[in-house]
Protein backbone atom coordinates (compact mmCIF):
# COMPACT_ATOMS: atom_id res chain seq x y z
CA MET A 1 70.22 -21.87 54.53
CA THR A 2 68.47 -24.09 56.93
CA THR A 3 65.32 -25.81 55.16
CA ALA A 4 62.50 -27.68 56.51
CA ARG A 5 59.81 -30.17 55.47
CA LEU A 6 56.34 -29.09 57.03
CA PRO A 7 52.38 -29.99 56.48
CA LEU A 8 51.04 -27.15 53.83
CA PHE A 9 48.21 -25.71 54.24
CA PRO A 10 46.65 -23.83 51.74
CA LEU A 11 44.31 -20.97 51.13
CA ASN A 12 42.73 -17.99 49.69
CA ALA A 13 44.63 -15.96 52.42
CA VAL A 14 47.75 -14.72 52.96
CA LEU A 15 49.24 -15.23 56.94
CA PHE A 16 51.66 -12.52 58.16
CA PRO A 17 53.91 -12.91 61.04
CA GLY A 18 52.77 -12.53 64.37
CA LEU A 19 48.97 -12.15 63.23
CA VAL A 20 46.56 -15.12 64.33
CA LEU A 21 44.75 -17.69 62.46
CA PRO A 22 41.68 -19.67 63.17
CA LEU A 23 40.42 -22.06 60.77
CA ASN A 24 38.07 -24.99 60.85
CA VAL A 25 39.29 -28.03 59.39
CA PHE A 26 36.81 -30.72 57.81
CA GLU A 27 38.69 -31.61 54.50
CA GLU A 28 39.74 -35.63 55.81
CA ARG A 29 43.36 -34.56 54.50
CA TYR A 30 43.32 -31.92 57.00
CA ARG A 31 42.13 -33.31 59.93
CA ALA A 32 45.00 -36.31 58.95
CA MET A 33 47.70 -33.17 59.03
CA MET A 34 45.93 -32.10 62.68
CA ARG A 35 46.11 -35.80 64.31
CA GLU A 36 49.81 -35.81 63.27
CA LEU A 37 50.64 -32.56 64.48
CA LEU A 38 48.59 -33.55 68.13
CA LYS A 39 51.51 -36.66 68.38
CA SER A 40 53.91 -34.04 68.79
CA ASP A 41 55.38 -32.31 72.71
CA GLU A 42 52.83 -30.06 73.04
CA ASP A 43 56.17 -28.45 74.29
CA GLU A 44 57.55 -28.43 70.82
CA PRO A 45 55.31 -26.33 68.10
CA ARG A 46 53.32 -27.44 66.14
CA ARG A 47 53.97 -25.83 62.57
CA PHE A 48 52.83 -26.07 58.90
CA VAL A 49 52.85 -23.06 56.49
CA VAL A 50 50.05 -21.64 55.52
CA VAL A 51 50.59 -20.93 52.10
CA ALA A 52 47.78 -18.75 49.17
CA ILE A 53 46.10 -19.81 46.21
CA ARG A 54 46.95 -17.66 43.08
CA ASP A 55 44.12 -16.56 41.48
CA GLY A 56 43.01 -16.79 37.76
CA ARG A 57 43.39 -20.47 36.23
CA GLU A 58 45.33 -22.12 38.40
CA THR A 59 43.56 -22.02 40.95
CA ALA A 60 40.67 -24.83 40.96
CA PRO A 61 37.44 -24.21 41.37
CA THR A 62 36.44 -27.45 42.45
CA ALA A 63 38.31 -27.12 45.80
CA THR A 64 40.63 -24.02 46.92
CA GLY A 65 42.67 -25.68 50.22
CA MET A 66 39.22 -24.77 52.82
CA PRO A 67 37.69 -26.66 54.92
CA ASP A 68 34.39 -28.01 53.05
CA THR A 69 31.75 -26.42 54.61
CA VAL A 70 30.16 -28.31 57.95
CA ALA A 71 27.21 -30.81 56.70
CA ALA A 72 25.54 -33.15 58.56
CA SER A 73 27.37 -36.80 56.53
CA PRO A 74 31.44 -36.96 56.14
CA PRO A 75 32.85 -34.25 53.47
CA PRO A 76 34.61 -36.38 49.94
CA GLU A 77 37.85 -38.05 51.15
CA ARG A 78 40.31 -35.74 48.61
CA ALA A 79 43.99 -36.97 47.23
CA PRO A 80 46.18 -34.94 48.90
CA ALA A 81 47.07 -32.00 45.51
CA GLU A 82 42.89 -32.58 44.80
CA GLY A 83 42.15 -29.23 43.04
CA PHE A 84 45.65 -28.30 43.11
CA GLY A 85 46.40 -29.13 38.78
CA PRO A 86 48.95 -31.67 38.71
CA ASP A 87 51.89 -29.92 39.64
CA PRO A 88 50.69 -28.08 42.66
CA ILE A 89 53.46 -25.84 43.97
CA GLN A 90 52.67 -23.99 40.20
CA THR A 91 49.63 -23.36 41.67
CA PHE A 92 50.62 -21.50 45.03
CA HIS A 93 52.44 -18.48 45.48
CA ARG A 94 56.25 -19.28 46.12
CA VAL A 95 56.38 -17.22 50.06
CA GLY A 96 54.41 -17.95 52.48
CA CYS A 97 54.32 -18.23 56.40
CA VAL A 98 54.63 -20.79 58.96
CA ALA A 99 51.93 -20.63 61.30
CA ASP A 100 52.21 -22.37 65.58
CA ALA A 101 49.11 -23.96 66.03
CA ALA A 102 48.93 -23.26 69.46
CA THR A 103 45.52 -24.48 70.01
CA ILE A 104 44.67 -28.24 68.01
CA ARG A 105 41.13 -29.15 69.41
CA GLU A 106 39.58 -31.89 67.94
CA ARG A 107 35.64 -32.02 67.67
CA ALA A 108 32.52 -34.53 68.52
CA ASP A 109 32.38 -35.34 64.64
CA GLY A 110 36.45 -35.38 64.05
CA SER A 111 36.82 -32.56 62.87
CA PHE A 112 39.00 -29.72 64.49
CA GLU A 113 39.08 -25.85 65.34
CA ILE A 114 42.88 -24.51 65.50
CA LEU A 115 43.94 -20.76 66.43
CA ALA A 116 47.30 -20.54 64.89
CA THR A 117 50.07 -17.83 64.03
CA GLY A 118 52.06 -16.41 61.48
CA THR A 119 55.98 -16.69 62.76
CA THR A 120 58.37 -16.99 59.88
CA ARG A 121 58.52 -16.38 56.63
CA VAL A 122 59.20 -19.52 54.13
CA ARG A 123 59.82 -19.84 50.81
CA LEU A 124 58.71 -23.15 49.47
CA LEU A 125 60.88 -24.94 46.93
CA SER A 126 59.67 -28.05 46.33
CA VAL A 127 56.09 -29.52 47.16
CA GLU A 128 55.51 -33.06 48.12
CA ALA A 129 51.34 -35.27 47.38
CA SER A 130 52.32 -38.87 48.45
CA GLY A 131 51.59 -38.31 51.72
CA PRO A 132 48.09 -38.48 53.35
CA TYR A 133 48.65 -34.13 53.18
CA LEU A 134 50.35 -32.06 51.08
CA THR A 135 53.57 -31.27 52.76
CA ALA A 136 56.52 -28.93 50.91
CA GLU A 137 60.33 -28.54 51.84
CA VAL A 138 60.58 -24.36 52.50
CA GLU A 139 64.04 -22.56 53.00
CA GLU A 140 63.43 -19.36 55.57
CA LEU A 141 63.41 -15.18 54.06
CA THR A 142 64.77 -13.27 56.51
CA GLU A 143 63.82 -9.93 56.02
CA GLU A 144 67.56 -8.34 54.87
CA PRO A 145 69.13 -6.12 58.11
CA PRO A 146 68.59 -2.68 57.95
CA GLY A 147 71.51 -0.40 57.79
CA GLU A 148 71.21 2.40 60.07
CA ASP A 149 69.84 4.94 57.52
CA ASP A 150 66.99 2.21 56.80
CA GLY A 151 66.91 1.53 60.03
CA ASP A 152 65.59 5.58 60.39
CA GLU A 153 63.78 5.40 57.48
CA ALA A 154 61.88 2.33 58.78
CA GLY A 155 61.35 3.75 62.14
CA ALA A 156 59.79 7.67 59.73
CA LEU A 157 57.71 5.46 57.92
CA SER A 158 56.08 3.53 60.01
CA GLU A 159 54.61 6.66 62.23
CA GLY A 160 53.18 7.84 58.29
CA VAL A 161 51.91 4.41 57.76
CA LEU A 162 50.11 4.32 60.95
CA ARG A 163 48.80 8.47 60.86
CA ALA A 164 47.81 6.63 57.07
CA PHE A 165 46.19 3.61 59.15
CA ARG A 166 44.17 5.89 60.83
CA ALA A 167 42.43 8.01 58.29
CA TYR A 168 41.81 4.58 56.68
CA GLN A 169 40.15 3.43 59.51
CA LYS A 170 38.25 6.36 59.96
CA ARG A 171 37.14 6.60 56.72
CA LEU A 172 35.46 3.03 56.35
CA ALA A 173 34.18 3.93 60.04
CA GLY A 174 32.60 6.85 58.85
CA ALA A 175 34.13 9.45 59.30
CA SER A 176 34.11 9.77 63.77
CA GLU A 177 31.88 7.77 64.83
CA ARG A 178 33.92 5.89 67.05
CA SER A 179 37.22 7.19 68.65
CA LEU A 180 40.07 5.53 66.97
CA ALA A 181 43.22 3.37 68.91
CA THR A 182 45.99 5.56 69.88
CA GLY A 183 49.28 5.37 70.59
CA ALA A 184 49.57 3.56 72.76
CA ASP A 185 47.08 0.44 71.59
CA LEU A 186 49.25 0.16 68.45
CA PRO A 187 53.35 -1.50 68.56
CA ASP A 188 56.20 0.52 67.54
CA ASP A 189 58.38 -1.99 66.04
CA PRO A 190 58.00 -0.47 62.49
CA SER A 191 57.70 -4.54 61.15
CA VAL A 192 55.16 -5.73 63.18
CA ILE A 193 54.23 -2.17 62.02
CA SER A 194 54.34 -3.58 59.06
CA TYR A 195 53.42 -7.26 59.18
CA LEU A 196 49.81 -5.68 61.14
CA VAL A 197 48.47 -2.87 58.45
CA ALA A 198 49.19 -5.74 55.59
CA ALA A 199 46.98 -7.65 57.51
CA ALA A 200 43.63 -5.20 58.04
CA THR A 201 43.95 -3.61 55.80
CA VAL A 202 41.33 -4.49 52.90
CA LEU A 203 43.71 -5.68 49.92
CA ASP A 204 42.82 -8.71 47.20
CA VAL A 205 45.17 -11.45 47.87
CA PRO A 206 47.46 -11.38 45.42
CA THR A 207 47.95 -6.83 47.14
CA LYS A 208 49.25 -8.99 50.41
CA GLN A 209 50.93 -11.64 48.96
CA ARG A 210 53.22 -9.06 47.77
CA LEU A 211 53.57 -7.45 50.90
CA LEU A 212 54.12 -10.46 52.21
CA GLN A 213 57.10 -10.84 49.65
CA ALA A 214 58.93 -7.71 50.08
CA PRO A 215 62.66 -7.84 50.85
CA ASP A 216 61.97 -5.73 54.35
CA THR A 217 60.31 -3.56 55.87
CA ALA A 218 61.03 -0.54 54.21
CA THR A 219 60.20 -1.70 51.19
CA ARG A 220 57.02 -3.00 52.61
CA LEU A 221 55.67 0.49 54.88
CA ARG A 222 56.55 2.25 52.12
CA GLU A 223 54.19 0.04 49.69
CA GLU A 224 51.15 0.12 52.66
CA LEU A 225 51.47 3.96 52.65
CA ALA A 226 50.88 4.23 49.05
CA LEU A 227 48.44 1.53 49.61
CA LEU A 228 46.26 3.53 52.25
CA ARG A 229 46.18 6.74 50.55
CA LYS A 230 44.74 5.94 47.60
CA GLU A 231 42.41 3.44 49.07
CA THR A 232 41.35 6.17 51.72
CA ALA A 233 40.90 8.66 48.74
CA VAL A 234 38.55 6.27 46.73
CA ILE A 235 36.40 5.07 50.24
CA ARG A 236 36.15 9.08 50.06
CA HIS A 237 34.71 9.03 46.62
CA LEU A 238 32.03 5.80 47.38
CA PRO A 239 28.58 6.15 47.71
CA SER A 240 28.19 3.23 50.63
CA LEU A 241 30.93 2.03 52.92
CA PRO A 242 32.09 -1.70 52.53
CA ALA A 243 33.11 -3.70 54.98
CA THR A 244 33.39 -0.82 57.97
CA ASP A 245 32.74 -4.02 60.22
CA LEU A 246 36.15 -4.75 59.91
CA THR A 247 36.88 -1.67 62.49
CA ARG A 248 34.75 -3.26 65.38
CA ALA A 249 36.20 -5.82 65.04
CA PRO A 250 39.72 -7.73 65.16
CA THR A 251 40.71 -8.73 61.50
CA HIS A 252 42.21 -12.05 61.15
CA PRO A 253 43.55 -12.94 57.30
CA ASN A 254 41.57 -15.78 57.37
């Protein structure tokens, strides 16, 4: 299995392949990462790994990996692993996603505006904190190739997931207050559908992480179908509808 060492950007969110990730980078450790990525040729991918921080005691309350809020004074400098405990890899989920930064724009104050896209799932093998920012040795995590029967199952499941996702959207939007996407507006590749639905559904980080780590598309779609039916049933019985803006604006992982 091919391995690589890449910059590591921990987030309180899960990035999926094919999904767009906008970031505002203010902390010096992540500024240093972006300055280094800018040194690469524009024709080369500017890659870093996005990994979700675990819930619970392993998540540091003082530094979650997200950039600090814009302030009048420069943010305090933090060591690469500050806030992530003595052994950072134990603080992170072991499966993340490589992000390719198509746009890295430096602002006048030295912060950065980033627009990246998830590309490939990877498994963390080790985390290094000796430089100005965290890096990780990772190996690509490919999905198990489907057999003929598995491919047919994934196709059938994707159709069911899309129907369930439309019903879920409708409940979030408050019945038929707006027209929902038609089949022509959505992808037809089961793997792409599985990642899109995982990113667009309102779920907690551990659940999204479980979907990211699914061994194959059919397994991911099967779990999404169950989740969508459950969430739609819950929303049906709520006195108010949460997060309805998610049906009116593009959804992104963070």
